[in-house]
Protein backbone atom coordinates (compact mmCIF):
# COMPACT_ATOMS: atom_id res chain seq x y z
CA UNK A 1 0.00 0.00 0.00
CA UNK A 2 1.33 3.40 -1.02
CA UNK A 3 0.91 6.18 1.49
CA UNK A 4 1.19 9.75 0.35
CA UNK A 5 2.13 12.36 2.87
CA UNK A 6 0.74 15.78 2.22
CA UNK A 7 2.15 18.85 3.84
CA UNK A 8 -0.09 21.79 4.32
CA UNK A 9 1.06 25.25 5.20
CA UNK A 10 -1.34 26.67 7.70
CA UNK A 11 -1.24 30.38 8.25
CA UNK A 12 -2.93 31.23 11.48
CA UNK A 13 -4.15 34.80 11.62
CA UNK A 14 -5.33 35.81 15.02
CA UNK A 15 -7.91 38.51 14.67
CA UNK A 16 -7.05 41.25 17.14
CA UNK A 17 -10.02 42.77 18.89
CA UNK A 18 -9.95 46.54 19.23
CA UNK A 19 -12.18 48.85 21.19
CA UNK A 20 -14.14 51.75 19.70
CA UNK A 21 -13.44 54.92 21.68
CA UNK A 22 -15.95 57.53 22.77
CA UNK A 23 -15.13 59.46 19.55
CA UNK A 24 -15.71 56.32 17.44
CA UNK A 25 -12.00 55.85 16.75
CA UNK A 26 -10.09 52.57 16.60
CA UNK A 27 -6.37 51.84 16.74
CA UNK A 28 -5.02 49.66 13.95
CA UNK A 29 -2.90 46.96 15.63
CA UNK A 30 0.87 47.17 15.17
CA UNK A 31 1.23 43.90 13.21
CA UNK A 32 -1.37 45.09 10.69
CA UNK A 33 0.21 48.57 10.37
CA UNK A 34 3.62 46.98 9.78
CA UNK A 35 2.29 44.41 7.30
CA UNK A 36 0.58 47.14 5.23
CA UNK A 37 3.32 49.72 5.73
CA UNK A 38 0.92 52.22 7.28
CA UNK A 39 2.45 55.32 8.82
CA UNK A 40 1.00 58.32 10.64
CA UNK A 41 -0.54 60.67 8.10
CA UNK A 42 -1.25 57.95 5.51
CA UNK A 43 -4.71 58.01 4.03
CA UNK A 44 -7.03 55.01 4.05
CA UNK A 45 -10.33 54.23 2.39
CA UNK A 46 -13.02 52.80 4.64
CA UNK A 47 -16.18 51.03 3.54
CA UNK A 48 -18.35 48.10 4.52
CA UNK A 49 -19.38 44.83 2.93
CA UNK A 50 -22.28 43.05 4.57
CA UNK A 51 -21.21 42.86 8.23
CA UNK A 52 -17.52 43.74 7.69
CA UNK A 53 -15.70 47.07 7.87
CA UNK A 54 -12.89 47.25 5.31
CA UNK A 55 -9.95 49.65 5.73
CA UNK A 56 -7.77 49.89 2.63
CA UNK A 57 -4.51 51.80 2.23
CA UNK A 58 -4.79 54.49 -0.45
CA UNK A 59 -1.85 54.91 -2.81
CA UNK A 60 -2.16 58.53 -3.85
CA UNK A 61 -0.67 59.97 -6.98
CA UNK A 62 0.48 63.51 -6.18
CA UNK A 63 -0.50 64.67 -9.66
CA UNK A 64 -4.11 63.60 -9.03
CA UNK A 65 -4.15 65.78 -5.93
CA UNK A 66 -3.05 68.82 -7.96
CA UNK A 67 -5.97 68.66 -10.41
CA UNK A 68 -7.96 71.29 -8.54
CA UNK A 69 -5.08 73.81 -8.48
CA UNK A 70 -4.65 76.52 -11.11
CA UNK A 71 -2.21 75.69 -13.90
CA UNK A 72 0.21 78.43 -12.77
CA UNK A 73 0.20 77.28 -9.13
CA UNK A 74 3.97 76.70 -9.04
CA UNK A 75 4.60 80.31 -10.10
CA UNK A 76 2.10 81.64 -7.57
CA UNK A 77 3.76 79.57 -4.84
CA UNK A 78 7.22 80.91 -5.76
CA UNK A 79 5.92 84.49 -5.53
CA UNK A 80 4.27 83.89 -2.17
CA UNK A 81 7.34 82.18 -0.73
CA UNK A 82 9.63 84.86 -2.14
CA UNK A 83 7.53 87.63 -0.61
CA UNK A 84 7.51 85.85 2.74
CA UNK A 85 11.31 85.60 2.77
CA UNK A 86 11.61 89.30 1.88
CA UNK A 87 9.22 90.25 4.68
CA UNK A 88 11.07 88.10 7.23
CA UNK A 89 14.37 89.71 6.17
CA UNK A 90 12.90 93.20 6.58
CA UNK A 91 11.74 92.53 10.14
CA UNK A 92 15.06 90.90 11.08
CA UNK A 93 13.90 87.32 11.50
CA UNK A 94 16.21 86.11 8.71
C-alpha atoms as a PDB file:
ATOM      1  CA  UNK A   1       0.000   0.000   0.000  1.00  0.00           C
ATOM      2  CA  UNK A   2       1.331   3.395  -1.020  1.00  0.00           C
ATOM      3  CA  UNK A   3       0.911   6.183   1.485  1.00  0.00           C
ATOM      4  CA  UNK A   4       1.191   9.753   0.349  1.00  0.00           C
ATOM      5  CA  UNK A   5       2.133  12.355   2.869  1.00  0.00           C
ATOM      6  CA  UNK A   6       0.744  15.777   2.220  1.00  0.00           C
ATOM      7  CA  UNK A   7       2.150  18.850   3.844  1.00  0.00           C
ATOM      8  CA  UNK A   8      -0.094  21.791   4.315  1.00  0.00           C
ATOM      9  CA  UNK A   9       1.060  25.253   5.197  1.00  0.00           C
ATOM     10  CA  UNK A  10      -1.345  26.668   7.698  1.00  0.00           C
ATOM     11  CA  UNK A  11      -1.236  30.382   8.253  1.00  0.00           C
ATOM     12  CA  UNK A  12      -2.934  31.231  11.484  1.00  0.00           C
ATOM     13  CA  UNK A  13      -4.148  34.800  11.619  1.00  0.00           C
ATOM     14  CA  UNK A  14      -5.328  35.812  15.019  1.00  0.00           C
ATOM     15  CA  UNK A  15      -7.913  38.514  14.672  1.00  0.00           C
ATOM     16  CA  UNK A  16      -7.052  41.248  17.144  1.00  0.00           C
ATOM     17  CA  UNK A  17     -10.021  42.771  18.894  1.00  0.00           C
ATOM     18  CA  UNK A  18      -9.946  46.542  19.231  1.00  0.00           C
ATOM     19  CA  UNK A  19     -12.183  48.850  21.186  1.00  0.00           C
ATOM     20  CA  UNK A  20     -14.145  51.752  19.698  1.00  0.00           C
ATOM     21  CA  UNK A  21     -13.443  54.920  21.681  1.00  0.00           C
ATOM     22  CA  UNK A  22     -15.945  57.535  22.775  1.00  0.00           C
ATOM     23  CA  UNK A  23     -15.125  59.463  19.553  1.00  0.00           C
ATOM     24  CA  UNK A  24     -15.714  56.325  17.439  1.00  0.00           C
ATOM     25  CA  UNK A  25     -12.004  55.849  16.753  1.00  0.00           C
ATOM     26  CA  UNK A  26     -10.093  52.567  16.604  1.00  0.00           C
ATOM     27  CA  UNK A  27      -6.373  51.835  16.743  1.00  0.00           C
ATOM     28  CA  UNK A  28      -5.021  49.656  13.950  1.00  0.00           C
ATOM     29  CA  UNK A  29      -2.898  46.957  15.628  1.00  0.00           C
ATOM     30  CA  UNK A  30       0.872  47.171  15.167  1.00  0.00           C
ATOM     31  CA  UNK A  31       1.229  43.904  13.212  1.00  0.00           C
ATOM     32  CA  UNK A  32      -1.370  45.091  10.692  1.00  0.00           C
ATOM     33  CA  UNK A  33       0.206  48.569  10.367  1.00  0.00           C
ATOM     34  CA  UNK A  34       3.617  46.982   9.783  1.00  0.00           C
ATOM     35  CA  UNK A  35       2.290  44.412   7.296  1.00  0.00           C
ATOM     36  CA  UNK A  36       0.584  47.135   5.227  1.00  0.00           C
ATOM     37  CA  UNK A  37       3.324  49.723   5.730  1.00  0.00           C
ATOM     38  CA  UNK A  38       0.922  52.220   7.284  1.00  0.00           C
ATOM     39  CA  UNK A  39       2.448  55.317   8.824  1.00  0.00           C
ATOM     40  CA  UNK A  40       1.003  58.321  10.639  1.00  0.00           C
ATOM     41  CA  UNK A  41      -0.543  60.669   8.097  1.00  0.00           C
ATOM     42  CA  UNK A  42      -1.252  57.950   5.513  1.00  0.00           C
ATOM     43  CA  UNK A  43      -4.712  58.008   4.027  1.00  0.00           C
ATOM     44  CA  UNK A  44      -7.032  55.010   4.049  1.00  0.00           C
ATOM     45  CA  UNK A  45     -10.329  54.231   2.386  1.00  0.00           C
ATOM     46  CA  UNK A  46     -13.018  52.803   4.635  1.00  0.00           C
ATOM     47  CA  UNK A  47     -16.178  51.026   3.536  1.00  0.00           C
ATOM     48  CA  UNK A  48     -18.353  48.102   4.522  1.00  0.00           C
ATOM     49  CA  UNK A  49     -19.375  44.834   2.929  1.00  0.00           C
ATOM     50  CA  UNK A  50     -22.275  43.055   4.567  1.00  0.00           C
ATOM     51  CA  UNK A  51     -21.214  42.859   8.229  1.00  0.00           C
ATOM     52  CA  UNK A  52     -17.517  43.745   7.692  1.00  0.00           C
ATOM     53  CA  UNK A  53     -15.699  47.069   7.867  1.00  0.00           C
ATOM     54  CA  UNK A  54     -12.885  47.246   5.306  1.00  0.00           C
ATOM     55  CA  UNK A  55      -9.950  49.648   5.733  1.00  0.00           C
ATOM     56  CA  UNK A  56      -7.772  49.895   2.633  1.00  0.00           C
ATOM     57  CA  UNK A  57      -4.513  51.799   2.225  1.00  0.00           C
ATOM     58  CA  UNK A  58      -4.789  54.488  -0.450  1.00  0.00           C
ATOM     59  CA  UNK A  59      -1.854  54.913  -2.809  1.00  0.00           C
ATOM     60  CA  UNK A  60      -2.155  58.530  -3.853  1.00  0.00           C
ATOM     61  CA  UNK A  61      -0.666  59.974  -6.975  1.00  0.00           C
ATOM     62  CA  UNK A  62       0.476  63.511  -6.177  1.00  0.00           C
ATOM     63  CA  UNK A  63      -0.504  64.667  -9.665  1.00  0.00           C
ATOM     64  CA  UNK A  64      -4.108  63.600  -9.030  1.00  0.00           C
ATOM     65  CA  UNK A  65      -4.152  65.782  -5.928  1.00  0.00           C
ATOM     66  CA  UNK A  66      -3.051  68.820  -7.959  1.00  0.00           C
ATOM     67  CA  UNK A  67      -5.972  68.655 -10.412  1.00  0.00           C
ATOM     68  CA  UNK A  68      -7.962  71.289  -8.539  1.00  0.00           C
ATOM     69  CA  UNK A  69      -5.078  73.811  -8.479  1.00  0.00           C
ATOM     70  CA  UNK A  70      -4.646  76.520 -11.113  1.00  0.00           C
ATOM     71  CA  UNK A  71      -2.209  75.692 -13.900  1.00  0.00           C
ATOM     72  CA  UNK A  72       0.212  78.428 -12.774  1.00  0.00           C
ATOM     73  CA  UNK A  73       0.203  77.277  -9.131  1.00  0.00           C
ATOM     74  CA  UNK A  74       3.974  76.703  -9.035  1.00  0.00           C
ATOM     75  CA  UNK A  75       4.602  80.313 -10.104  1.00  0.00           C
ATOM     76  CA  UNK A  76       2.100  81.636  -7.568  1.00  0.00           C
ATOM     77  CA  UNK A  77       3.757  79.566  -4.836  1.00  0.00           C
ATOM     78  CA  UNK A  78       7.216  80.907  -5.757  1.00  0.00           C
ATOM     79  CA  UNK A  79       5.922  84.494  -5.528  1.00  0.00           C
ATOM     80  CA  UNK A  80       4.270  83.894  -2.166  1.00  0.00           C
ATOM     81  CA  UNK A  81       7.341  82.179  -0.730  1.00  0.00           C
ATOM     82  CA  UNK A  82       9.629  84.859  -2.135  1.00  0.00           C
ATOM     83  CA  UNK A  83       7.529  87.625  -0.608  1.00  0.00           C
ATOM     84  CA  UNK A  84       7.514  85.851   2.739  1.00  0.00           C
ATOM     85  CA  UNK A  85      11.315  85.602   2.767  1.00  0.00           C
ATOM     86  CA  UNK A  86      11.612  89.304   1.884  1.00  0.00           C
ATOM     87  CA  UNK A  87       9.219  90.249   4.684  1.00  0.00           C
ATOM     88  CA  UNK A  88      11.066  88.103   7.228  1.00  0.00           C
ATOM     89  CA  UNK A  89      14.373  89.707   6.173  1.00  0.00           C
ATOM     90  CA  UNK A  90      12.901  93.199   6.583  1.00  0.00           C
ATOM     91  CA  UNK A  91      11.738  92.526  10.143  1.00  0.00           C
ATOM     92  CA  UNK A  92      15.061  90.900  11.076  1.00  0.00           C
ATOM     93  CA  UNK A  93      13.902  87.315  11.501  1.00  0.00           C
ATOM     94  CA  UNK A  94      16.206  86.108   8.706  1.00  0.00           C
END
